[in-house]
């Protein structure tokens, strides 16, 4: 399964709508105004782009997942969406703002991504983003690694799809490509996962390639043991709560 097509858009909308819901605070930070041209990087199934358009902006949503973009177009046929990886952006000074929610931790070439987003902005344009930071889902990942190791399968950093930087690491890259950083925070955001199978669904949604590489019986044992060992820590009030840690940044293209 290619990275471009790995996403289950139905599972995403059905059980992971919290991704877009938490993004509404980021929209407030963006403070969009009517007539602005805004690029939503990692638009998913289009919910936040729909919110931005309600402010009167001229928006374009891009996502590397074809299945996500197809779903976005089905939900919001009047809006503009394209299949495009952030590393493949080819815009030159076209946007008043670049907005990205819960996407940039999937990009393991962060400096190139920042360069592409910087080039997309007009001079004076702003970049507003939130994504997983250092320590994100550490409890879940540590237990997942442990259970896979016990089954004879190694979970290396290279086999995981994420990049979870510190503020210092990421803002240094932002400044290196030319951004003037105006805001950067790292914070805990415990996140409720939908339903009794919330943790299992989360792993299926966000680690499909690795899970699908395991034999079916091994995958089942790993998921069951992860749930059993994390239940006392992350299962509260009859629901799972993931140990999210986020980075939120805002910057300006000043030249």
C-alpha atoms as a PDB file:
ATOM      1  CA  UNK A   1       0.000   0.000   0.000  1.00  0.00           C
ATOM      2  CA  UNK A   2       1.497   3.360  -0.981  1.00  0.00           C
ATOM      3  CA  UNK A   3       1.621   6.320   1.369  1.00  0.00           C
ATOM      4  CA  UNK A   4      -0.582   8.203  -1.051  1.00  0.00           C
ATOM      5  CA  UNK A   5      -3.421   5.694  -0.671  1.00  0.00           C
ATOM      6  CA  UNK A   6      -2.977   4.297   2.844  1.00  0.00           C
ATOM      7  CA  UNK A   7      -5.749   6.288   4.501  1.00  0.00           C
ATOM      8  CA  UNK A   8      -9.197   4.897   5.271  1.00  0.00           C
ATOM      9  CA  UNK A   9     -11.302   8.022   4.782  1.00  0.00           C
ATOM     10  CA  UNK A  10     -14.460   6.380   6.134  1.00  0.00           C
ATOM     11  CA  UNK A  11     -12.727   5.250   9.356  1.00  0.00           C
ATOM     12  CA  UNK A  12     -11.210   8.726   9.665  1.00  0.00           C
ATOM     13  CA  UNK A  13     -14.590  10.469   9.452  1.00  0.00           C
ATOM     14  CA  UNK A  14     -16.424   7.906  11.572  1.00  0.00           C
ATOM     15  CA  UNK A  15     -14.040   7.607  14.528  1.00  0.00           C
ATOM     16  CA  UNK A  16     -11.431  10.389  14.236  1.00  0.00           C
ATOM     17  CA  UNK A  17     -13.460  13.546  13.681  1.00  0.00           C
ATOM     18  CA  UNK A  18     -11.670  14.946  16.753  1.00  0.00           C
ATOM     19  CA  UNK A  19      -8.771  15.814  14.420  1.00  0.00           C
ATOM     20  CA  UNK A  20     -10.848  18.489  12.710  1.00  0.00           C
ATOM     21  CA  UNK A  21     -12.738  19.464  15.862  1.00  0.00           C
ATOM     22  CA  UNK A  22      -9.523  20.330  17.705  1.00  0.00           C
ATOM     23  CA  UNK A  23      -8.466  22.348  14.658  1.00  0.00           C
ATOM     24  CA  UNK A  24     -11.100  25.015  15.295  1.00  0.00           C
ATOM     25  CA  UNK A  25      -8.883  26.662  17.916  1.00  0.00           C
ATOM     26  CA  UNK A  26      -6.172  26.851  15.275  1.00  0.00           C
ATOM     27  CA  UNK A  27      -8.600  28.568  12.900  1.00  0.00           C
ATOM     28  CA  UNK A  28      -9.094  31.238  15.573  1.00  0.00           C
ATOM     29  CA  UNK A  29      -5.345  31.783  15.690  1.00  0.00           C
ATOM     30  CA  UNK A  30      -5.261  32.034  11.902  1.00  0.00           C
ATOM     31  CA  UNK A  31      -7.980  34.707  12.085  1.00  0.00           C
ATOM     32  CA  UNK A  32      -8.998  34.412   8.408  1.00  0.00           C
ATOM     33  CA  UNK A  33     -10.609  37.393   6.710  1.00  0.00           C
ATOM     34  CA  UNK A  34     -12.848  37.640   3.683  1.00  0.00           C
ATOM     35  CA  UNK A  35     -11.037  37.683   0.363  1.00  0.00           C
ATOM     36  CA  UNK A  36      -7.821  36.068   1.585  1.00  0.00           C
ATOM     37  CA  UNK A  37      -6.285  33.232  -0.424  1.00  0.00           C
ATOM     38  CA  UNK A  38      -5.491  30.387   1.994  1.00  0.00           C
ATOM     39  CA  UNK A  39      -3.789  27.043   1.448  1.00  0.00           C
ATOM     40  CA  UNK A  40      -4.804  24.186   3.772  1.00  0.00           C
ATOM     41  CA  UNK A  41      -1.936  21.671   3.820  1.00  0.00           C
ATOM     42  CA  UNK A  42      -3.151  18.210   4.810  1.00  0.00           C
ATOM     43  CA  UNK A  43      -6.829  19.042   4.403  1.00  0.00           C
ATOM     44  CA  UNK A  44      -8.034  15.495   5.119  1.00  0.00           C
ATOM     45  CA  UNK A  45     -11.716  15.110   4.299  1.00  0.00           C
ATOM     46  CA  UNK A  46     -12.243  18.861   4.049  1.00  0.00           C
ATOM     47  CA  UNK A  47     -13.986  19.870   7.271  1.00  0.00           C
ATOM     48  CA  UNK A  48     -11.613  22.683   8.241  1.00  0.00           C
ATOM     49  CA  UNK A  49     -11.458  23.988   4.679  1.00  0.00           C
ATOM     50  CA  UNK A  50     -15.233  24.225   4.811  1.00  0.00           C
ATOM     51  CA  UNK A  51     -14.901  26.230   8.031  1.00  0.00           C
ATOM     52  CA  UNK A  52     -12.360  28.568   6.439  1.00  0.00           C
ATOM     53  CA  UNK A  53     -14.581  29.196   3.437  1.00  0.00           C
ATOM     54  CA  UNK A  54     -17.361  30.261   5.830  1.00  0.00           C
ATOM     55  CA  UNK A  55     -15.134  33.266   6.624  1.00  0.00           C
ATOM     56  CA  UNK A  56     -15.226  34.270   2.962  1.00  0.00           C
ATOM     57  CA  UNK A  57     -11.724  33.130   2.036  1.00  0.00           C
ATOM     58  CA  UNK A  58     -10.636  31.743  -1.315  1.00  0.00           C
ATOM     59  CA  UNK A  59      -9.350  28.375  -0.152  1.00  0.00           C
ATOM     60  CA  UNK A  60      -7.484  25.436  -1.643  1.00  0.00           C
ATOM     61  CA  UNK A  61      -7.101  22.176   0.277  1.00  0.00           C
ATOM     62  CA  UNK A  62      -4.284  19.774  -0.583  1.00  0.00           C
ATOM     63  CA  UNK A  63      -3.567  16.322   0.799  1.00  0.00           C
ATOM     64  CA  UNK A  64      -1.152  13.560  -0.195  1.00  0.00           C
ATOM     65  CA  UNK A  65      -3.923  10.951   0.207  1.00  0.00           C
ATOM     66  CA  UNK A  66      -6.079  10.406  -2.852  1.00  0.00           C
ATOM     67  CA  UNK A  67      -8.763   8.671  -0.771  1.00  0.00           C
ATOM     68  CA  UNK A  68      -9.016  11.674   1.554  1.00  0.00           C
ATOM     69  CA  UNK A  69      -9.315  14.121  -1.325  1.00  0.00           C
ATOM     70  CA  UNK A  70     -11.983  12.000  -3.014  1.00  0.00           C
ATOM     71  CA  UNK A  71     -13.970  12.021   0.237  1.00  0.00           C
ATOM     72  CA  UNK A  72     -13.486  15.790   0.636  1.00  0.00           C
ATOM     73  CA  UNK A  73     -14.820  16.402  -2.862  1.00  0.00           C
ATOM     74  CA  UNK A  74     -17.826  14.185  -2.137  1.00  0.00           C
ATOM     75  CA  UNK A  75     -18.632  16.091   1.057  1.00  0.00           C
ATOM     76  CA  UNK A  76     -17.917  19.585  -0.272  1.00  0.00           C
ATOM     77  CA  UNK A  77     -18.228  19.536  -4.088  1.00  0.00           C
ATOM     78  CA  UNK A  78     -18.291  23.327  -4.260  1.00  0.00           C
ATOM     79  CA  UNK A  79     -14.815  23.636  -2.686  1.00  0.00           C
ATOM     80  CA  UNK A  80     -11.362  23.204  -4.235  1.00  0.00           C
ATOM     81  CA  UNK A  81      -9.203  20.200  -3.327  1.00  0.00           C
ATOM     82  CA  UNK A  82      -6.135  18.655  -4.956  1.00  0.00           C
ATOM     83  CA  UNK A  83      -4.030  15.546  -4.374  1.00  0.00           C
ATOM     84  CA  UNK A  84      -0.634  17.023  -3.600  1.00  0.00           C
ATOM     85  CA  UNK A  85       2.099  16.218  -1.102  1.00  0.00           C
ATOM     86  CA  UNK A  86       3.511  19.159   0.844  1.00  0.00           C
ATOM     87  CA  UNK A  87       6.936  18.213  -0.531  1.00  0.00           C
ATOM     88  CA  UNK A  88       5.557  18.664  -4.055  1.00  0.00           C
ATOM     89  CA  UNK A  89       4.029  22.131  -3.627  1.00  0.00           C
ATOM     90  CA  UNK A  90       4.905  24.292  -6.620  1.00  0.00           C
ATOM     91  CA  UNK A  91       3.193  27.568  -5.741  1.00  0.00           C
ATOM     92  CA  UNK A  92       5.120  30.831  -5.874  1.00  0.00           C
ATOM     93  CA  UNK A  93       3.849  33.698  -3.712  1.00  0.00           C
ATOM     94  CA  UNK A  94       0.179  32.868  -4.243  1.00  0.00           C
ATOM     95  CA  UNK A  95      -1.267  32.687  -0.712  1.00  0.00           C
ATOM     96  CA  UNK A  96      -1.959  35.105   2.126  1.00  0.00           C
ATOM     97  CA  UNK A  97      -1.722  32.222   4.590  1.00  0.00           C
ATOM     98  CA  UNK A  98      -0.694  28.594   4.801  1.00  0.00           C
ATOM     99  CA  UNK A  99      -2.654  26.620   7.373  1.00  0.00           C
ATOM    100  CA  UNK A 100      -1.945  23.069   8.547  1.00  0.00           C
ATOM    101  CA  UNK A 101      -3.587  20.976  11.249  1.00  0.00           C
ATOM    102  CA  UNK A 102      -2.378  17.541  12.421  1.00  0.00           C
ATOM    103  CA  UNK A 103      -0.301  16.936   9.299  1.00  0.00           C
ATOM    104  CA  UNK A 104       3.311  18.026   9.608  1.00  0.00           C
ATOM    105  CA  UNK A 105       4.275  15.247  12.031  1.00  0.00           C
ATOM    106  CA  UNK A 106       3.794  12.904   9.043  1.00  0.00           C
ATOM    107  CA  UNK A 107       6.519  14.718   7.092  1.00  0.00           C
ATOM    108  CA  UNK A 108       9.986  13.303   7.705  1.00  0.00           C
ATOM    109  CA  UNK A 109      11.646  15.954   5.534  1.00  0.00           C
ATOM    110  CA  UNK A 110      10.537  18.969   7.581  1.00  0.00           C
ATOM    111  CA  UNK A 111      12.945  21.555   6.182  1.00  0.00           C
ATOM    112  CA  UNK A 112      11.913  20.835   2.585  1.00  0.00           C
ATOM    113  CA  UNK A 113       8.262  21.062   3.610  1.00  0.00           C
ATOM    114  CA  UNK A 114       8.881  24.426   5.258  1.00  0.00           C
ATOM    115  CA  UNK A 115      10.690  25.676   2.167  1.00  0.00           C
ATOM    116  CA  UNK A 116       7.746  24.692  -0.033  1.00  0.00           C
ATOM    117  CA  UNK A 117       5.221  26.377   2.265  1.00  0.00           C
ATOM    118  CA  UNK A 118       7.406  29.490   2.548  1.00  0.00           C
ATOM    119  CA  UNK A 119       7.604  29.742  -1.256  1.00  0.00           C
ATOM    120  CA  UNK A 120       3.809  29.407  -1.480  1.00  0.00           C
ATOM    121  CA  UNK A 121       3.262  32.538   0.605  1.00  0.00           C
ATOM    122  CA  UNK A 122       3.119  36.155  -0.454  1.00  0.00           C
ATOM    123  CA  UNK A 123       5.536  38.493   1.317  1.00  0.00           C
ATOM    124  CA  UNK A 124       3.888  39.300   4.639  1.00  0.00           C
ATOM    125  CA  UNK A 125       1.893  36.070   4.520  1.00  0.00           C
ATOM    126  CA  UNK A 126       1.521  33.939   7.620  1.00  0.00           C
ATOM    127  CA  UNK A 127       2.058  30.302   8.439  1.00  0.00           C
ATOM    128  CA  UNK A 128      -0.105  28.733  11.155  1.00  0.00           C
ATOM    129  CA  UNK A 129       0.222  25.073  12.084  1.00  0.00           C
ATOM    130  CA  UNK A 130      -0.332  22.499  14.791  1.00  0.00           C
ATOM    131  CA  UNK A 131       1.052  18.965  14.875  1.00  0.00           C
ATOM    132  CA  UNK A 132       2.495  16.279  17.129  1.00  0.00           C
ATOM    133  CA  UNK A 133       5.477  17.370  19.194  1.00  0.00           C
ATOM    134  CA  UNK A 134       8.143  15.628  21.242  1.00  0.00           C
ATOM    135  CA  UNK A 135       6.636  12.936  23.483  1.00  0.00           C
ATOM    136  CA  UNK A 136       3.445  12.623  21.451  1.00  0.00           C
ATOM    137  CA  UNK A 137       1.631   9.292  22.106  1.00  0.00           C
ATOM    138  CA  UNK A 138       4.747   8.082  23.906  1.00  0.00           C
ATOM    139  CA  UNK A 139       2.848   5.721  26.224  1.00  0.00           C
ATOM    140  CA  UNK A 140       1.055   4.100  23.299  1.00  0.00           C
ATOM    141  CA  UNK A 141       4.170   3.770  21.169  1.00  0.00           C
ATOM    142  CA  UNK A 142       6.318   2.353  23.972  1.00  0.00           C
ATOM    143  CA  UNK A 143       3.764  -0.352  24.716  1.00  0.00           C
ATOM    144  CA  UNK A 144       3.277  -1.090  21.021  1.00  0.00           C
ATOM    145  CA  UNK A 145       7.047  -1.469  20.557  1.00  0.00           C
ATOM    146  CA  UNK A 146       7.213  -3.792  23.575  1.00  0.00           C
ATOM    147  CA  UNK A 147       4.442  -6.068  22.323  1.00  0.00           C
ATOM    148  CA  UNK A 148       5.849  -6.241  18.798  1.00  0.00           C
ATOM    149  CA  UNK A 149       9.311  -7.027  20.202  1.00  0.00           C
ATOM    150  CA  UNK A 150       7.881  -9.891  22.224  1.00  0.00           C
ATOM    151  CA  UNK A 151       6.431 -11.293  18.992  1.00  0.00           C
ATOM    152  CA  UNK A 152       9.804 -11.006  17.250  1.00  0.00           C
ATOM    153  CA  UNK A 153       9.097  -7.836  15.259  1.00  0.00           C
ATOM    154  CA  UNK A 154      11.223  -4.727  15.714  1.00  0.00           C
ATOM    155  CA  UNK A 155       9.597  -1.281  15.601  1.00  0.00           C
ATOM    156  CA  UNK A 156      12.391   1.093  14.616  1.00  0.00           C
ATOM    157  CA  UNK A 157      12.132   4.855  14.258  1.00  0.00           C
ATOM    158  CA  UNK A 158      12.559   4.326  10.522  1.00  0.00           C
ATOM    159  CA  UNK A 159       9.540   2.003  10.406  1.00  0.00           C
ATOM    160  CA  UNK A 160       7.320   4.565  12.142  1.00  0.00           C
ATOM    161  CA  UNK A 161       5.732   7.255   9.957  1.00  0.00           C
ATOM    162  CA  UNK A 162       6.149  10.213  12.304  1.00  0.00           C
ATOM    163  CA  UNK A 163       8.418  13.137  13.128  1.00  0.00           C
ATOM    164  CA  UNK A 164       7.801  14.584  16.594  1.00  0.00           C
ATOM    165  CA  UNK A 165      10.228  17.510  17.103  1.00  0.00           C
ATOM    166  CA  UNK A 166      10.884  19.789  20.035  1.00  0.00           C
ATOM    167  CA  UNK A 167      10.031  23.467  19.732  1.00  0.00           C
ATOM    168  CA  UNK A 168      13.723  24.275  19.440  1.00  0.00           C
ATOM    169  CA  UNK A 169      14.257  21.803  16.618  1.00  0.00           C
ATOM    170  CA  UNK A 170      11.272  22.975  14.597  1.00  0.00           C
ATOM    171  CA  UNK A 171      11.543  26.724  15.097  1.00  0.00           C
ATOM    172  CA  UNK A 172      15.233  26.556  14.173  1.00  0.00           C
ATOM    173  CA  UNK A 173      14.224  25.015  10.859  1.00  0.00           C
ATOM    174  CA  UNK A 174      11.541  27.673  10.388  1.00  0.00           C
ATOM    175  CA  UNK A 175      14.085  30.441  10.877  1.00  0.00           C
ATOM    176  CA  UNK A 176      16.596  28.715   8.618  1.00  0.00           C
ATOM    177  CA  UNK A 177      14.184  28.884   5.663  1.00  0.00           C
ATOM    178  CA  UNK A 178      13.358  32.543   6.330  1.00  0.00           C
ATOM    179  CA  UNK A 179      10.314  32.586   8.601  1.00  0.00           C
ATOM    180  CA  UNK A 180      10.007  35.103  11.414  1.00  0.00           C
ATOM    181  CA  UNK A 181       8.544  33.001  14.244  1.00  0.00           C
ATOM    182  CA  UNK A 182       5.907  34.914  16.210  1.00  0.00           C
ATOM    183  CA  UNK A 183       4.446  32.125  18.355  1.00  0.00           C
ATOM    184  CA  UNK A 184       5.569  28.629  19.387  1.00  0.00           C
ATOM    185  CA  UNK A 185       4.105  26.494  22.173  1.00  0.00           C
ATOM    186  CA  UNK A 186       4.355  22.853  23.222  1.00  0.00           C
ATOM    187  CA  UNK A 187       1.469  21.512  25.311  1.00  0.00           C
ATOM    188  CA  UNK A 188      -0.248  18.381  26.569  1.00  0.00           C
ATOM    189  CA  UNK A 189      -3.604  17.629  24.971  1.00  0.00           C
ATOM    190  CA  UNK A 190      -5.100  14.367  26.234  1.00  0.00           C
ATOM    191  CA  UNK A 191      -7.422  13.262  23.460  1.00  0.00           C
ATOM    192  CA  UNK A 192     -10.504  11.070  23.831  1.00  0.00           C
ATOM    193  CA  UNK A 193     -10.689   8.221  21.327  1.00  0.00           C
ATOM    194  CA  UNK A 194     -14.134   7.179  20.164  1.00  0.00           C
ATOM    195  CA  UNK A 195     -15.675   4.040  21.662  1.00  0.00           C
ATOM    196  CA  UNK A 196     -14.554   0.893  23.456  1.00  0.00           C
ATOM    197  CA  UNK A 197     -12.354   0.064  20.459  1.00  0.00           C
ATOM    198  CA  UNK A 198     -10.932   3.580  20.345  1.00  0.00           C
ATOM    199  CA  UNK A 199      -7.307   2.630  20.914  1.00  0.00           C
ATOM    200  CA  UNK A 200      -7.445  -0.264  18.463  1.00  0.00           C
ATOM    201  CA  UNK A 201      -9.120   1.954  15.844  1.00  0.00           C
ATOM    202  CA  UNK A 202      -6.464   4.617  16.395  1.00  0.00           C
ATOM    203  CA  UNK A 203      -3.692   2.109  15.676  1.00  0.00           C
ATOM    204  CA  UNK A 204      -5.524   0.836  12.587  1.00  0.00           C
ATOM    205  CA  UNK A 205      -6.033   4.395  11.352  1.00  0.00           C
ATOM    206  CA  UNK A 206      -2.579   5.779  11.917  1.00  0.00           C
ATOM    207  CA  UNK A 207      -0.309   2.728  11.633  1.00  0.00           C
ATOM    208  CA  UNK A 208      -1.906   0.693   8.821  1.00  0.00           C
ATOM    209  CA  UNK A 209       1.278  -0.123   6.939  1.00  0.00           C
ATOM    210  CA  UNK A 210       3.107  -1.577   9.921  1.00  0.00           C
ATOM    211  CA  UNK A 211       0.080  -3.429  11.299  1.00  0.00           C
ATOM    212  CA  UNK A 212      -0.778  -4.929   7.914  1.00  0.00           C
ATOM    213  CA  UNK A 213       2.768  -6.246   7.611  1.00  0.00           C
ATOM    214  CA  UNK A 214       2.158  -8.515  10.613  1.00  0.00           C
ATOM    215  CA  UNK A 215       0.523 -11.954  10.321  1.00  0.00           C
ATOM    216  CA  UNK A 216      -3.153 -11.748  11.326  1.00  0.00           C
ATOM    217  CA  UNK A 217      -2.711 -13.746  14.523  1.00  0.00           C
ATOM    218  CA  UNK A 218       0.274 -11.635  15.590  1.00  0.00           C
ATOM    219  CA  UNK A 219      -1.590  -8.399  14.862  1.00  0.00           C
ATOM    220  CA  UNK A 220      -4.516  -9.559  16.990  1.00  0.00           C
ATOM    221  CA  UNK A 221      -2.286 -10.513  19.933  1.00  0.00           C
ATOM    222  CA  UNK A 222      -0.340  -7.258  19.745  1.00  0.00           C
ATOM    223  CA  UNK A 223      -3.497  -5.125  19.725  1.00  0.00           C
ATOM    224  CA  UNK A 224      -5.105  -7.099  22.547  1.00  0.00           C
ATOM    225  CA  UNK A 225      -1.998  -6.946  24.735  1.00  0.00           C
ATOM    226  CA  UNK A 226      -1.522  -3.222  24.104  1.00  0.00           C
ATOM    227  CA  UNK A 227      -5.109  -2.628  25.197  1.00  0.00           C
ATOM    228  CA  UNK A 228      -4.782  -4.834  28.282  1.00  0.00           C
ATOM    229  CA  UNK A 229      -1.534  -3.236  29.464  1.00  0.00           C
ATOM    230  CA  UNK A 230      -2.631   0.364  28.873  1.00  0.00           C
ATOM    231  CA  UNK A 231      -6.161   0.029  30.209  1.00  0.00           C
ATOM    232  CA  UNK A 232      -5.309   1.140  33.749  1.00  0.00           C
ATOM    233  CA  UNK A 233      -3.381   4.156  32.437  1.00  0.00           C
ATOM    234  CA  UNK A 234      -5.333   5.410  29.412  1.00  0.00           C
ATOM    235  CA  UNK A 235      -8.867   4.041  29.896  1.00  0.00           C
ATOM    236  CA  UNK A 236     -10.860   6.551  31.931  1.00  0.00           C
ATOM    237  CA  UNK A 237     -14.599   6.934  32.437  1.00  0.00           C
ATOM    238  CA  UNK A 238     -15.282   4.112  29.966  1.00  0.00           C
ATOM    239  CA  UNK A 239     -13.282   5.681  27.147  1.00  0.00           C
ATOM    240  CA  UNK A 240      -9.733   5.682  25.850  1.00  0.00           C
ATOM    241  CA  UNK A 241      -7.628   8.845  26.141  1.00  0.00           C
ATOM    242  CA  UNK A 242      -4.487   9.150  24.002  1.00  0.00           C
ATOM    243  CA  UNK A 243      -1.446  10.948  25.440  1.00  0.00           C
ATOM    244  CA  UNK A 244      -1.180  13.642  22.773  1.00  0.00           C
ATOM    245  CA  UNK A 245       1.445  16.379  22.961  1.00  0.00           C
ATOM    246  CA  UNK A 246       1.196  19.144  20.391  1.00  0.00           C
ATOM    247  CA  UNK A 247       3.296  21.924  18.924  1.00  0.00           C
ATOM    248  CA  UNK A 248       1.554  25.066  17.679  1.00  0.00           C
ATOM    249  CA  UNK A 249       3.452  27.645  15.653  1.00  0.00           C
ATOM    250  CA  UNK A 250       2.788  30.910  13.861  1.00  0.00           C
ATOM    251  CA  UNK A 251       5.242  32.770  11.630  1.00  0.00           C
ATOM    252  CA  UNK A 252       5.480  35.461   8.979  1.00  0.00           C
ATOM    253  CA  UNK A 253       7.228  35.525   5.615  1.00  0.00           C
ATOM    254  CA  UNK A 254       8.915  38.887   5.940  1.00  0.00           C
ATOM    255  CA  UNK A 255      10.788  39.085   2.611  1.00  0.00           C
END
